[in-house]
Structure formats: structure tokens, C-alpha cells
PDB file of N, CA and C in Angstrom:
ATOM      1  N   MET A   1      50.648  85.081   2.620  1.00  0.00           N
ATOM      2  CA  MET A   1      50.747  84.999   4.068  1.00  0.00           C
ATOM      3  C   MET A   1      52.103  84.450   4.470  1.00  0.00           C
ATOM      4  N   LYS A   2      52.511  83.360   3.778  1.00  0.00           N
ATOM      5  CA  LYS A   2      53.793  82.727   4.064  1.00  0.00           C
ATOM      6  C   LYS A   2      54.944  83.674   3.740  1.00  0.00           C
ATOM      7  N   LYS A   3      54.761  84.434   2.664  1.00  0.00           N
ATOM      8  CA  LYS A   3      55.790  85.385   2.233  1.00  0.00           C
ATOM      9  C   LYS A   3      55.950  86.509   3.267  1.00  0.00           C
ATOM     10  N   ASN A   4      54.839  86.975   3.834  1.00  0.00           N
ATOM     11  CA  ASN A   4      54.888  88.029   4.850  1.00  0.00           C
ATOM     12  C   ASN A   4      55.592  87.557   6.112  1.00  0.00           C
ATOM     13  N   ILE A   5      55.343  86.338   6.513  1.00  0.00           N
ATOM     14  CA  ILE A   5      55.995  85.794   7.717  1.00  0.00           C
ATOM     15  C   ILE A   5      57.492  85.678   7.491  1.00  0.00           C
ATOM     16  N   TYR A   6      57.912  85.184   6.325  1.00  0.00           N
ATOM     17  CA  TYR A   6      59.346  85.095   6.014  1.00  0.00           C
ATOM     18  C   TYR A   6      59.974  86.488   5.962  1.00  0.00           C
ATOM     19  N   SER A   7      59.226  87.442   5.465  1.00  0.00           N
ATOM     20  CA  SER A   7      59.726  88.816   5.390  1.00  0.00           C
ATOM     21  C   SER A   7      59.983  89.365   6.790  1.00  0.00           C
ATOM     22  N   VAL A   8      59.080  89.077   7.715  1.00  0.00           N
ATOM     23  CA  VAL A   8      59.249  89.548   9.092  1.00  0.00           C
ATOM     24  C   VAL A   8      60.419  88.832   9.749  1.00  0.00           C
ATOM     25  N   LEU A   9      60.514  87.519   9.568  1.00  0.00           N
ATOM     26  CA  LEU A   9      61.594  86.748  10.202  1.00  0.00           C
ATOM     27  C   LEU A   9      62.968  87.127   9.650  1.00  0.00           C
ATOM     28  N   LYS A  10      63.069  87.364   8.376  1.00  0.00           N
ATOM     29  CA  LYS A  10      64.355  87.721   7.777  1.00  0.00           C
ATOM     30  C   LYS A  10      64.698  89.195   7.988  1.00  0.00           C
ATOM     31  N   GLY A  11      63.697  90.017   8.223  1.00  0.00           N
ATOM     32  CA  GLY A  11      63.943  91.439   8.430  1.00  0.00           C
ATOM     33  C   GLY A  11      63.977  92.230   7.158  1.00  0.00           C
ATOM     34  N   THR A  12      63.559  91.662   6.055  1.00  0.00           N
ATOM     35  CA  THR A  12      63.585  92.386   4.780  1.00  0.00           C
ATOM     36  C   THR A  12      62.536  93.487   4.732  1.00  0.00           C
ATOM     37  N   PHE A  13      61.535  93.421   5.583  1.00  0.00           N
ATOM     38  CA  PHE A  13      60.510  94.469   5.588  1.00  0.00           C
ATOM     39  C   PHE A  13      61.069  95.781   6.131  1.00  0.00           C
ATOM     40  N   LEU A  14      62.235  95.737   6.774  1.00  0.00           N
ATOM     41  CA  LEU A  14      62.841  96.957   7.313  1.00  0.00           C
ATOM     42  C   LEU A  14      63.757  97.658   6.313  1.00  0.00           C
ATOM     43  N   VAL A  15      64.219  96.919   5.303  1.00  0.00           N
ATOM     44  CA  VAL A  15      65.167  97.517   4.351  1.00  0.00           C
ATOM     45  C   VAL A  15      64.610  97.608   2.929  1.00  0.00           C
ATOM     46  N   SER A  16      63.379  97.237   2.749  1.00  0.00           N
ATOM     47  CA  SER A  16      62.792  97.309   1.400  1.00  0.00           C
ATOM     48  C   SER A  16      62.489  98.763   1.028  1.00  0.00           C
ATOM     49  N   ASP A  17      62.001  98.981  -0.188  1.00  0.00           N
ATOM     50  CA  ASP A  17      61.739 100.337  -0.685  1.00  0.00           C
ATOM     51  C   ASP A  17      60.624 101.036   0.080  1.00  0.00           C
ATOM     52  N   ASP A  18      59.605 100.323   0.481  1.00  0.00           N
ATOM     53  CA  ASP A  18      58.486 100.940   1.197  1.00  0.00           C
ATOM     54  C   ASP A  18      58.591 100.720   2.709  1.00  0.00           C
ATOM     55  N   SER A  19      59.792 100.647   3.191  1.00  0.00           N
ATOM     56  CA  SER A  19      60.001 100.349   4.617  1.00  0.00           C
ATOM     57  C   SER A  19      59.776 101.565   5.522  1.00  0.00           C
ATOM     58  N   PHE A  20      59.650 102.760   4.930  1.00  0.00           N
ATOM     59  CA  PHE A  20      59.473 103.966   5.742  1.00  0.00           C
ATOM     60  C   PHE A  20      58.215 103.877   6.601  1.00  0.00           C
ATOM     61  N   LYS A  21      57.109 103.393   6.044  1.00  0.00           N
ATOM     62  CA  LYS A  21      55.892 103.276   6.835  1.00  0.00           C
ATOM     63  C   LYS A  21      56.041 102.195   7.910  1.00  0.00           C
ATOM     64  N   ASN A  22      56.828 101.172   7.635  1.00  0.00           N
ATOM     65  CA  ASN A  22      57.087 100.138   8.655  1.00  0.00           C
ATOM     66  C   ASN A  22      57.880 100.732   9.819  1.00  0.00           C
ATOM     67  N   TRP A  23      58.863 101.557   9.505  1.00  0.00           N
ATOM     68  CA  TRP A  23      59.670 102.176  10.553  1.00  0.00           C
ATOM     69  C   TRP A  23      58.826 103.129  11.401  1.00  0.00           C
ATOM     70  N   ARG A  24      57.911 103.840  10.754  1.00  0.00           N
ATOM     71  CA  ARG A  24      57.038 104.732  11.518  1.00  0.00           C
ATOM     72  C   ARG A  24      56.207 103.955  12.534  1.00  0.00           C
ATOM     73  N   VAL A  25      55.676 102.819  12.127  1.00  0.00           N
ATOM     74  CA  VAL A  25      54.866 101.995  13.032  1.00  0.00           C
ATOM     75  C   VAL A  25      55.735 101.450  14.163  1.00  0.00           C
ATOM     76  N   ILE A  26      56.924 100.996  13.827  1.00  0.00           N
ATOM     77  CA  ILE A  26      57.829 100.443  14.847  1.00  0.00           C
ATOM     78  C   ILE A  26      58.220 101.520  15.852  1.00  0.00           C
ATOM     79  N   ILE A  27      58.537 102.712  15.378  1.00  0.00           N
ATOM     80  CA  ILE A  27      58.910 103.803  16.282  1.00  0.00           C
ATOM     81  C   ILE A  27      57.716 104.212  17.144  1.00  0.00           C
ATOM     82  N   PHE A  28      56.522 104.250  16.551  1.00  0.00           N
ATOM     83  CA  PHE A  28      55.319 104.584  17.317  1.00  0.00           C
ATOM     84  C   PHE A  28      55.067 103.553  18.420  1.00  0.00           C
ATOM     85  N   ILE A  29      55.159 102.288  18.083  1.00  0.00           N
ATOM     86  CA  ILE A  29      54.938 101.225  19.080  1.00  0.00           C
ATOM     87  C   ILE A  29      56.016 101.268  20.163  1.00  0.00           C
ATOM     88  N   SER A  30      57.259 101.540  19.770  1.00  0.00           N
ATOM     89  CA  SER A  30      58.345 101.642  20.757  1.00  0.00           C
ATOM     90  C   SER A  30      58.120 102.806  21.713  1.00  0.00           C
ATOM     91  N   SER A  31      57.691 103.939  21.169  1.00  0.00           N
ATOM     92  CA  SER A  31      57.445 105.092  22.045  1.00  0.00           C
ATOM     93  C   SER A  31      56.272 104.815  22.985  1.00  0.00           C
ATOM     94  N   LEU A  32      55.237 104.135  22.520  1.00  0.00           N
ATOM     95  CA  LEU A  32      54.133 103.752  23.392  1.00  0.00           C
ATOM     96  C   LEU A  32      54.605 102.820  24.514  1.00  0.00           C
ATOM     97  N   ALA A  33      55.495 101.901  24.165  1.00  0.00           N
ATOM     98  CA  ALA A  33      56.025 100.979  25.180  1.00  0.00           C
ATOM     99  C   ALA A  33      56.834 101.741  26.226  1.00  0.00           C
ATOM    100  N   ILE A  34      57.621 102.721  25.806  1.00  0.00           N
ATOM    101  CA  ILE A  34      58.411 103.513  26.750  1.00  0.00           C
ATOM    102  C   ILE A  34      57.502 104.321  27.668  1.00  0.00           C
ATOM    103  N   VAL A  35      56.447 104.906  27.114  1.00  0.00           N
ATOM    104  CA  VAL A  35      55.500 105.666  27.930  1.00  0.00           C
ATOM    105  C   VAL A  35      54.815 104.753  28.931  1.00  0.00           C
ATOM    106  N   MET A  36      54.441 103.553  28.500  1.00  0.00           N
ATOM    107  CA  MET A  36      53.777 102.603  29.387  1.00  0.00           C
ATOM    108  C   MET A  36      54.703 102.177  30.525  1.00  0.00           C
ATOM    109  N   ILE A  37      55.963 101.928  30.232  1.00  0.00           N
ATOM    110  CA  ILE A  37      56.929 101.541  31.262  1.00  0.00           C
ATOM    111  C   ILE A  37      57.143 102.674  32.253  1.00  0.00           C
ATOM    112  N   ALA A  38      57.266 103.902  31.754  1.00  0.00           N
ATOM    113  CA  ALA A  38      57.452 105.054  32.645  1.00  0.00           C
ATOM    114  C   ALA A  38      56.229 105.248  33.542  1.00  0.00           C
ATOM    115  N   SER A  39      55.058 105.072  32.981  1.00  0.00           N
ATOM    116  CA  SER A  39      53.830 105.197  33.773  1.00  0.00           C
ATOM    117  C   SER A  39      53.769 104.137  34.857  1.00  0.00           C
ATOM    118  N   SER A  40      54.158 102.935  34.529  1.00  0.00           N
ATOM    119  CA  SER A  40      54.167 101.840  35.514  1.00  0.00           C
ATOM    120  C   SER A  40      55.143 102.134  36.650  1.00  0.00           C
ATOM    121  N   HIS A  41      56.320 102.642  36.324  1.00  0.00           N
ATOM    122  CA  HIS A  41      57.302 102.978  37.369  1.00  0.00           C
ATOM    123  C   HIS A  41      56.779 104.106  38.254  1.00  0.00           C
ATOM    124  N   SER A  42      56.130 105.077  37.654  1.00  0.00           N
ATOM    125  CA  SER A  42      55.569 106.185  38.427  1.00  0.00           C
ATOM    126  C   SER A  42      54.484 105.683  39.380  1.00  0.00           C
ATOM    127  N   ALA A  43      53.642 104.801  38.916  1.00  0.00           N
ATOM    128  CA  ALA A  43      52.583 104.244  39.770  1.00  0.00           C
ATOM    129  C   ALA A  43      53.191 103.429  40.919  1.00  0.00           C
ATOM    130  N   ASP A  44      54.233 102.665  40.636  1.00  0.00           N
ATOM    131  CA  ASP A  44      54.895 101.884  41.697  1.00  0.00           C
ATOM    132  C   ASP A  44      55.489 102.804  42.759  1.00  0.00           C
ATOM    133  N   LYS A  45      56.100 103.907  42.329  1.00  0.00           N
ATOM    134  CA  LYS A  45      56.657 104.868  43.282  1.00  0.00           C
ATOM    135  C   LYS A  45      55.573 105.418  44.190  1.00  0.00           C
ATOM    136  N   LYS A  46      54.425 105.735  43.607  1.00  0.00           N
ATOM    137  CA  LYS A  46      53.327 106.282  44.397  1.00  0.00           C
ATOM    138  C   LYS A  46      52.792 105.244  45.386  1.00  0.00           C
ATOM    139  N   VAL A  47      52.731 103.991  44.982  1.00  0.00           N
ATOM    140  CA  VAL A  47      52.258 102.935  45.885  1.00  0.00           C
ATOM    141  C   VAL A  47      53.206 102.802  47.072  1.00  0.00           C
ATOM    142  N   TYR A  48      54.514 102.821  46.820  1.00  0.00           N
ATOM    143  CA  TYR A  48      55.488 102.728  47.912  1.00  0.00           C
ATOM    144  C   TYR A  48      55.402 103.940  48.834  1.00  0.00           C
ATOM    145  N   GLU A  49      55.195 105.114  48.266  1.00  0.00           N
ATOM    146  CA  GLU A  49      55.074 106.335  49.069  1.00  0.00           C
ATOM    147  C   GLU A  49      53.824 106.273  49.950  1.00  0.00           C
ATOM    148  N   ILE A  50      52.727 105.769  49.399  1.00  0.00           N
ATOM    149  CA  ILE A  50      51.491 105.636  50.178  1.00  0.00           C
ATOM    150  C   ILE A  50      51.695 104.655  51.325  1.00  0.00           C
ATOM    151  N   ALA A  51      52.366 103.543  51.079  1.00  0.00           N
ATOM    152  CA  ALA A  51      52.620 102.562  52.133  1.00  0.00           C
ATOM    153  C   ALA A  51      53.500 103.159  53.225  1.00  0.00           C
ATOM    154  N   ARG A  52      54.513 103.934  52.836  1.00  0.00           N
ATOM    155  CA  ARG A  52      55.398 104.554  53.824  1.00  0.00           C
ATOM    156  C   ARG A  52      54.624 105.565  54.677  1.00  0.00           C
ATOM    157  N   LEU A  53      53.774 106.350  54.030  1.00  0.00           N
ATOM    158  CA  LEU A  53      52.994 107.341  54.773  1.00  0.00           C
ATOM    159  C   LEU A  53      51.973 106.674  55.704  1.00  0.00           C
ATOM    160  N   LYS A  54      51.401 105.544  55.290  1.00  0.00           N
ATOM    161  CA  LYS A  54      50.473 104.826  56.172  1.00  0.00           C
ATOM    162  C   LYS A  54      51.195 104.329  57.409  1.00  0.00           C
ATOM    163  N   ASN A  55      52.396 103.814  57.225  1.00  0.00           N
ATOM    164  CA  ASN A  55      53.170 103.358  58.384  1.00  0.00           C
ATOM    165  C   ASN A  55      53.494 104.523  59.312  1.00  0.00           C
ATOM    166  N   GLU A  56      53.840 105.657  58.740  1.00  0.00           N
ATOM    167  CA  GLU A  56      54.146 106.841  59.538  1.00  0.00           C
ATOM    168  C   GLU A  56      52.913 107.321  60.306  1.00  0.00           C
ATOM    169  N   VAL A  57      51.746 107.285  59.665  1.00  0.00           N
ATOM    170  CA  VAL A  57      50.508 107.694  60.331  1.00  0.00           C
ATOM    171  C   VAL A  57      50.202 106.753  61.495  1.00  0.00           C
ATOM    172  N   ASN A  58      50.366 105.451  61.280  1.00  0.00           N
ATOM    173  CA  ASN A  58      50.110 104.497  62.361  1.00  0.00           C
ATOM    174  C   ASN A  58      51.069 104.714  63.528  1.00  0.00           C
ATOM    175  N   GLU A  59      52.327 105.003  63.226  1.00  0.00           N
ATOM    176  CA  GLU A  59      53.309 105.255  64.276  1.00  0.00           C
ATOM    177  C   GLU A  59      52.945 106.514  65.069  1.00  0.00           C
ATOM    178  N   MET A  60      52.566 107.572  64.360  1.00  0.00           N
ATOM    179  CA  MET A  60      52.200 108.815  65.048  1.00  0.00           C
ATOM    180  C   MET A  60      50.919 108.648  65.852  1.00  0.00           C
ATOM    181  N   ARG A  61      49.977 107.858  65.344  1.00  0.00           N
ATOM    182  CA  ARG A  61      48.739 107.618  66.081  1.00  0.00           C
ATOM    183  C   ARG A  61      49.038 106.881  67.386  1.00  0.00           C
ATOM    184  N   SER A  62      49.941 105.893  67.333  1.00  0.00           N
ATOM    185  CA  SER A  62      50.277 105.170  68.560  1.00  0.00           C
ATOM    186  C   SER A  62      51.023 106.072  69.542  1.00  0.00           C
ATOM    187  N   GLU A  63      51.877 106.979  69.040  1.00  0.00           N
ATOM    188  CA  GLU A  63      52.535 107.948  69.919  1.00  0.00           C
ATOM    189  C   GLU A  63      51.511 108.862  70.580  1.00  0.00           C
ATOM    190  N   PHE A  64      50.513 109.305  69.815  1.00  0.00           N
ATOM    191  CA  PHE A  64      49.475 110.177  70.347  1.00  0.00           C
ATOM    192  C   PHE A  64      48.690 109.469  71.446  1.00  0.00           C
ATOM    193  N   ILE A  65      48.313 108.224  71.218  1.00  0.00           N
ATOM    194  CA  ILE A  65      47.553 107.474  72.212  1.00  0.00           C
ATOM    195  C   ILE A  65      48.390 107.257  73.466  1.00  0.00           C
ATOM    196  N   ASP A  66      49.673 106.967  73.292  1.00  0.00           N
ATOM    197  CA  ASP A  66      50.570 106.783  74.435  1.00  0.00           C
ATOM    198  C   ASP A  66      50.690 108.080  75.236  1.00  0.00           C
ATOM    199  N   GLY A  67      50.858 109.206  74.548  1.00  0.00           N
ATOM    200  CA  GLY A  67      50.956 110.500  75.233  1.00  0.00           C
ATOM    201  C   GLY A  67      49.665 110.860  75.945  1.00  0.00           C
ATOM    202  N   ARG A  68      48.529 110.556  75.323  1.00  0.00           N
ATOM    203  CA  ARG A  68      47.246 110.855  75.941  1.00  0.00           C
ATOM    204  C   ARG A  68      47.033 110.012  77.199  1.00  0.00           C
ATOM    205  N   SER A  69      47.452 108.743  77.172  1.00  0.00           N
ATOM    206  CA  SER A  69      47.296 107.905  78.367  1.00  0.00           C
ATOM    207  C   SER A  69      48.217 108.382  79.492  1.00  0.00           C
ATOM    208  N   LYS A  70      49.426 108.839  79.139  1.00  0.00           N
ATOM    209  CA  LYS A  70      50.319 109.385  80.171  1.00  0.00           C
ATOM    210  C   LYS A  70      49.734 110.655  80.777  1.00  0.00           C
ATOM    211  N   LEU A  71      49.146 111.507  79.944  1.00  0.00           N
ATOM    212  CA  LEU A  71      48.528 112.732  80.430  1.00  0.00           C
ATOM    213  C   LEU A  71      47.352 112.430  81.356  1.00  0.00           C
ATOM    214  N   MET A  72      46.538 111.453  80.985  1.00  0.00           N
ATOM    215  CA  MET A  72      45.403 111.091  81.834  1.00  0.00           C
ATOM    216  C   MET A  72      45.880 110.582  83.192  1.00  0.00           C
ATOM    217  N   LYS A  73      46.992 109.845  83.200  1.00  0.00           N
ATOM    218  CA  LYS A  73      47.544 109.350  84.467  1.00  0.00           C
ATOM    219  C   LYS A  73      48.055 110.516  85.306  1.00  0.00           C
ATOM    220  N   LEU A  74      48.717 111.491  84.668  1.00  0.00           N
ATOM    221  CA  LEU A  74      49.244 112.648  85.399  1.00  0.00           C
ATOM    222  C   LEU A  74      48.127 113.520  85.964  1.00  0.00           C
ATOM    223  N   LYS A  75      46.959 113.542  85.329  1.00  0.00           N
ATOM    224  CA  LYS A  75      45.858 114.369  85.787  1.00  0.00           C
ATOM    225  C   LYS A  75      45.067 113.731  86.926  1.00  0.00           C
ATOM    226  N   MET A  76      45.346 112.478  87.240  1.00  0.00           N
ATOM    227  CA  MET A  76      44.607 111.818  88.326  1.00  0.00           C
ATOM    228  C   MET A  76      44.918 112.484  89.657  1.00  0.00           C
ATOM    229  N   GLU A  77      43.900 112.571  90.503  1.00  0.00           N
ATOM    230  CA  GLU A  77      44.046 113.255  91.787  1.00  0.00           C
ATOM    231  C   GLU A  77      45.116 112.607  92.652  1.00  0.00           C
ATOM    232  N   SER A  78      45.204 111.292  92.634  1.00  0.00           N
ATOM    233  CA  SER A  78      46.194 110.603  93.462  1.00  0.00           C
ATOM    234  C   SER A  78      47.617 110.959  93.024  1.00  0.00           C
ATOM    235  N   GLU A  79      47.839 111.070  91.724  1.00  0.00           N
ATOM    236  CA  GLU A  79      49.170 111.432  91.232  1.00  0.00           C
ATOM    237  C   GLU A  79      49.516 112.864  91.616  1.00  0.00           C
ATOM    238  N   ILE A  80      48.535 113.755  91.545  1.00  0.00           N
ATOM    239  CA  ILE A  80      48.773 115.158  91.917  1.00  0.00           C
ATOM    240  C   ILE A  80      49.084 115.257  93.401  1.00  0.00           C
ATOM    241  N   MET A  81      48.375 114.477  94.225  1.00  0.00           N
ATOM    242  CA  MET A  81      48.629 114.503  95.678  1.00  0.00           C
ATOM    243  C   MET A  81      50.043 114.045  95.985  1.00  0.00           C
ATOM    244  N   VAL A  82      50.510 113.002  95.331  1.00  0.00           N
ATOM    245  CA  VAL A  82      51.874 112.501  95.561  1.00  0.00           C
ATOM    246  C   VAL A  82      52.895 113.557  95.158  1.00  0.00           C
ATOM    247  N   ALA A  83      52.672 114.200  94.007  1.00  0.00           N
ATOM    248  CA  ALA A  83      53.622 115.215  93.542  1.00  0.00           C
ATOM    249  C   ALA A  83      53.635 116.430  94.470  1.00  0.00           C
ATOM    250  N   MET A  84      52.499 116.821  94.997  1.00  0.00           N
ATOM    251  CA  MET A  84      52.436 117.971  95.893  1.00  0.00           C
ATOM    252  C   MET A  84      52.995 117.636  97.282  1.00  0.00           C
ATOM    253  N   GLN A  85      52.844 116.406  97.755  1.00  0.00           N
ATOM    254  CA  GLN A  85      53.412 116.031  99.050  1.00  0.00           C
ATOM    255  C   GLN A  85      54.939 116.077  99.016  1.00  0.00           C
ATOM    256  N   GLU A  86      55.522 115.807  97.853  1.00  0.00           N
ATOM    257  CA  GLU A  86      56.981 115.916  97.718  1.00  0.00           C
ATOM    258  C   GLU A  86      57.431 117.366  97.873  1.00  0.00           C
ATOM    259  N   LYS A  87      56.559 118.310  97.524  1.00  0.00           N
ATOM    260  CA  LYS A  87      56.887 119.735  97.650  1.00  0.00           C
ATOM    261  C   LYS A  87      56.419 120.311  98.984  1.00  0.00           C
ATOM    262  N   GLY A  88      55.784 119.476  99.810  1.00  0.00           N
ATOM    263  CA  GLY A  88      55.353 119.934 101.127  1.00  0.00           C
ATOM    264  C   GLY A  88      53.954 120.505 101.154  1.00  0.00           C
ATOM    265  N   ILE A  89      53.179 120.301 100.144  1.00  0.00           N
ATOM    266  CA  ILE A  89      51.807 120.802 100.094  1.00  0.00           C
ATOM    267  C   ILE A  89      50.867 119.614 100.281  1.00  0.00           C
ATOM    268  N   ALA A  90      49.949 119.734 101.233  1.00  0.00           N
ATOM    269  CA  ALA A  90      49.008 118.651 101.509  1.00  0.00           C
ATOM    270  C   ALA A  90      47.596 119.113 101.199  1.00  0.00           C
ATOM    271  N   PRO A  91      46.687 118.192 100.940  1.00  0.00           N
ATOM    272  CA  PRO A  91      45.301 118.594 100.686  1.00  0.00           C
ATOM    273  C   PRO A  91      44.640 119.108 101.960  1.00  0.00           C
ATOM    274  N   SER A  92      43.678 119.950 101.795  1.00  0.00           N
ATOM    275  CA  SER A  92      42.986 120.551 102.927  1.00  0.00           C
ATOM    276  C   SER A  92      42.093 119.509 103.606  1.00  0.00           C
ATOM    277  N   VAL A  93      42.054 119.584 104.936  1.00  0.00           N
ATOM    278  CA  VAL A  93      41.180 118.675 105.683  1.00  0.00           C
ATOM    279  C   VAL A  93      39.837 119.345 105.964  1.00  0.00           C
ATOM    280  N   ILE A  94      39.778 120.654 105.812  1.00  0.00           N
ATOM    281  CA  ILE A  94      38.545 121.408 106.021  1.00  0.00           C
ATOM    282  C   ILE A  94      37.810 121.475 104.682  1.00  0.00           C
ATOM    283  N   PRO A  95      36.561 121.061 104.649  1.00  0.00           N
ATOM    284  CA  PRO A  95      35.841 121.098 103.375  1.00  0.00           C
ATOM    285  C   PRO A  95      35.594 122.542 102.933  1.00  0.00           C
ATOM    286  N   PRO A  96      35.478 122.775 101.667  1.00  0.00           N
ATOM    287  CA  PRO A  96      35.245 124.138 101.167  1.00  0.00           C
ATOM    288  C   PRO A  96      33.835 124.614 101.516  1.00  0.00           C
ATOM    289  N   LYS A  97      33.683 125.921 101.650  1.00  0.00           N
ATOM    290  CA  LYS A  97      32.389 126.511 101.969  1.00  0.00           C
ATOM    291  C   LYS A  97      31.946 127.382 100.808  1.00  0.00           C
ATOM    292  N   LYS A  98      30.646 127.437 100.610  1.00  0.00           N
ATOM    293  CA  LYS A  98      30.105 128.298  99.570  1.00  0.00           C
ATOM    294  C   LYS A  98      30.034 129.727 100.107  1.00  0.00           C
ATOM    295  N   ILE A  99      30.400 130.635  99.250  1.00  0.00           N
ATOM    296  CA  ILE A  99      30.308 132.048  99.602  1.00  0.00           C
ATOM    297  C   ILE A  99      29.110 132.607  98.872  1.00  0.00           C
ATOM    298  N   LYS A 100      28.165 133.133  99.643  1.00  0.00           N
ATOM    299  CA  LYS A 100      26.975 133.682  99.018  1.00  0.00           C
ATOM    300  C   LYS A 100      27.086 135.212  99.107  1.00  0.00           C
ATOM    301  N   VAL A 101      26.927 135.835  97.998  1.00  0.00           N
ATOM    302  CA  VAL A 101      26.988 137.297  97.925  1.00  0.00           C
ATOM    303  C   VAL A 101      25.561 137.800  97.716  1.00  0.00           C
ATOM    304  N   LYS A 102      25.113 138.638  98.649  1.00  0.00           N
ATOM    305  CA  LYS A 102      23.782 139.225  98.515  1.00  0.00           C
ATOM    306  C   LYS A 102      23.923 140.559  97.820  1.00  0.00           C
ATOM    307  N   SER A 103      23.040 140.785  96.909  1.00  0.00           N
ATOM    308  CA  SER A 103      23.112 142.071  96.220  1.00  0.00           C
ATOM    309  C   SER A 103      22.655 143.172  97.163  1.00  0.00           C
ATOM    310  N   GLN A 104      23.202 144.355  97.016  1.00  0.00           N
ATOM    311  CA  GLN A 104      22.933 145.470  97.905  1.00  0.00           C
ATOM    312  C   GLN A 104      21.744 146.310  97.445  1.00  0.00           C
ATOM    313  N   GLN A 105      21.012 145.879  96.553  1.00  0.00           N
ATOM    314  CA  GLN A 105      19.878 146.651  96.049  1.00  0.00           C
ATOM    315  C   GLN A 105      18.678 146.543  96.907  1.00  0.00           C
TER     316      GLN A 105
END
């Protein structure tokens, strides 16, 4: 056990005669570490993209609500009357009458 620890600390396990299997394990572990790091960076990118899109959705939702409230104000009868009076059109003072059509049969 003590000999193995000294071998690792001195690095002799990398240059000995049977070091080929040690190098294979080291290269395998290194490649796994690189894949893990790349996966972590990819996940972080996706998290940032999701946060940016959520902010954009909230901004567009508030724009939609603002536009809808402006439209509701423009559709009010009082607003229409003011806009039409500027053009010289006034509301009728005579109430509307129903037109009844009798069939000729």
C-alpha cells in the first residue's frame, strides 16, 4: 500500500513497463472530465437563454396589456364623441326607430 502511494506521488507508475494500462485509464478519465465540463457549459447557456426569453415574454405581455387598455379607452363612447365633435359630427338627438317589415305573402 505504501509502495503504491509513493509510486503515485513520484510518478513512476506513468513510466514503468506496464504503464500503458495506466495511461489508458488517465486518458479515459480526462475525456470524461472534458465531456462533463462541456455538458455543464451547455446547460448554463440554456439556463441563461431561458431567463432571457422569460424577461422578453414578460415585457411583451406588459406591452400587450398596455395596448389593450389604450384600445379600451379609445372604444369608449365619450372618447368617440370627442373625436367626432372635432370633425364636426355630433350625436343624434332623435332616438332611433325600429323598422318593421311585413311580409307580402
